[in-house]
Amino acid sequence: MYGGLARFVVRAGKREELLELLRWDARVARDGEPGTLRLDVWEVEGEPGAVYVYEVYEDVEAFEVHVRNAPVTKFRQVMGSVIESGTMVIPFGECLISNRRE
């Protein structure tokens, strides 16, 4: 498996716009990307301006398919207007151990 975890600080007043884009991204991945195993968006108590995006793919090739989809293209276009800053908490890489059932 291949994946990573990103933390985004959302610009004031742009949270719902970002979440709607990420909802669309998750639907596209669920319905048309069998190699996308997880695309989860988390919030953490005490960090009201931040969202965490956790992504897991079967392999690098599945990740490459995902980054070519329409929501990711749109995300790249609007990122500067909705995201104040972004950090890779866990950079994209290979999973060493998982409890995932095959």
Protein backbone atom coordinates (compact mmCIF):
# COMPACT_ATOMS: atom_id res chain seq x y z
CA MET A 1 0.00 0.00 0.00
CA TYR A 2 0.98 3.61 -0.58
CA GLY A 3 -0.32 6.66 1.25
CA GLY A 4 0.16 9.77 3.32
CA LEU A 5 -1.41 12.27 5.67
CA ALA A 6 -1.64 16.01 4.98
CA ARG A 7 -2.69 18.84 7.29
CA PHE A 8 -4.28 21.90 5.72
CA VAL A 9 -5.02 25.21 7.43
CA VAL A 10 -8.11 26.61 5.73
CA ARG A 11 -8.48 30.29 4.87
CA ALA A 12 -11.15 32.16 6.83
CA GLY A 13 -14.59 31.60 5.32
CA LYS A 14 -13.38 28.85 2.95
CA ARG A 15 -13.90 25.72 5.09
CA GLU A 16 -17.18 24.64 3.47
CA GLU A 17 -15.78 25.24 -0.03
CA LEU A 18 -12.80 23.00 0.75
CA LEU A 19 -14.95 20.32 2.38
CA GLU A 20 -17.33 20.24 -0.60
CA LEU A 21 -14.38 19.78 -2.95
CA LEU A 22 -13.02 16.97 -0.75
CA ARG A 23 -16.47 15.31 -0.60
CA TRP A 24 -16.54 15.32 -4.41
CA ASP A 25 -13.00 13.93 -4.50
CA ALA A 26 -13.96 11.11 -2.12
CA ARG A 27 -17.05 10.24 -4.21
CA VAL A 28 -15.05 10.16 -7.45
CA ALA A 29 -12.41 7.97 -5.79
CA ARG A 30 -15.01 5.61 -4.30
CA ASP A 31 -17.00 5.25 -7.50
CA GLY A 32 -14.26 5.20 -10.13
CA GLU A 33 -10.88 4.42 -8.59
CA PRO A 34 -10.73 0.85 -7.30
CA GLY A 35 -7.09 1.37 -6.31
CA THR A 36 -8.00 4.20 -3.91
CA LEU A 37 -8.51 2.37 -0.63
CA ARG A 38 -9.11 5.37 1.67
CA LEU A 39 -9.64 9.07 1.30
CA ASP A 40 -10.63 10.37 4.73
CA VAL A 41 -10.96 13.94 5.96
CA TRP A 42 -10.50 14.50 9.69
CA GLU A 43 -10.79 17.40 12.06
CA VAL A 44 -9.09 17.60 15.44
CA GLU A 45 -10.61 19.19 18.52
CA GLY A 46 -8.71 22.35 19.33
CA GLU A 47 -7.71 22.96 15.69
CA PRO A 48 -10.84 24.59 14.22
CA GLY A 49 -9.02 25.98 11.18
CA ALA A 50 -7.34 22.72 10.17
CA VAL A 51 -8.37 19.60 8.30
CA TYR A 52 -6.34 16.43 7.86
CA VAL A 53 -6.56 14.37 4.68
CA TYR A 54 -5.55 10.70 4.95
CA GLU A 55 -5.09 8.85 1.66
CA VAL A 56 -4.25 5.18 1.03
CA TYR A 57 -3.82 3.50 -2.35
CA GLU A 58 -3.09 -0.05 -3.46
CA ASP A 59 0.20 1.15 -4.93
CA VAL A 60 1.97 4.13 -6.53
CA GLU A 61 0.19 3.50 -9.82
CA ALA A 62 -3.23 3.83 -8.13
CA PHE A 63 -2.06 7.10 -6.54
CA GLU A 64 -1.01 8.37 -9.97
CA VAL A 65 -4.48 7.53 -11.33
CA HIS A 66 -6.04 9.46 -8.45
CA VAL A 67 -3.97 12.61 -8.96
CA ARG A 68 -5.15 12.78 -12.58
CA ASN A 69 -8.84 12.88 -11.60
CA ALA A 70 -11.01 15.99 -11.99
CA PRO A 71 -11.28 16.86 -8.27
CA VAL A 72 -7.51 16.86 -7.81
CA THR A 73 -7.12 19.04 -10.90
CA LYS A 74 -9.71 21.44 -9.45
CA PHE A 75 -7.99 21.33 -6.03
CA ARG A 76 -4.72 22.42 -7.62
CA GLN A 77 -6.51 25.32 -9.34
CA VAL A 78 -8.19 26.66 -6.17
CA MET A 79 -5.69 25.57 -3.53
CA GLY A 80 -4.20 29.04 -3.04
CA SER A 81 -7.60 30.60 -2.51
CA VAL A 82 -8.88 28.06 0.05
CA ILE A 83 -5.70 26.85 1.80
CA GLU A 84 -3.59 29.09 3.99
CA SER A 85 -0.89 26.47 4.48
CA GLY A 86 -0.30 22.76 4.04
CA THR A 87 2.02 20.27 5.69
CA MET A 88 2.69 16.63 5.00
CA VAL A 89 2.36 15.04 8.46
CA ILE A 90 3.21 11.66 6.93
CA PRO A 91 4.85 12.08 3.51
CA PHE A 92 3.61 9.74 0.81
CA GLY A 93 5.35 6.40 1.04
CA GLU A 94 4.98 2.65 1.32
CA CYS A 95 3.08 1.06 4.20
CA LEU A 96 5.17 -1.40 6.21
CA ILE A 97 2.47 -2.99 8.39
CA SER A 98 -1.33 -2.90 8.21
CA ASN A 99 -4.30 -4.75 9.65
CA ARG A 100 -6.12 -4.44 6.32
CA ARG A 101 -7.97 -7.59 5.35
CA GLU A 102 -7.46 -8.73 1.78
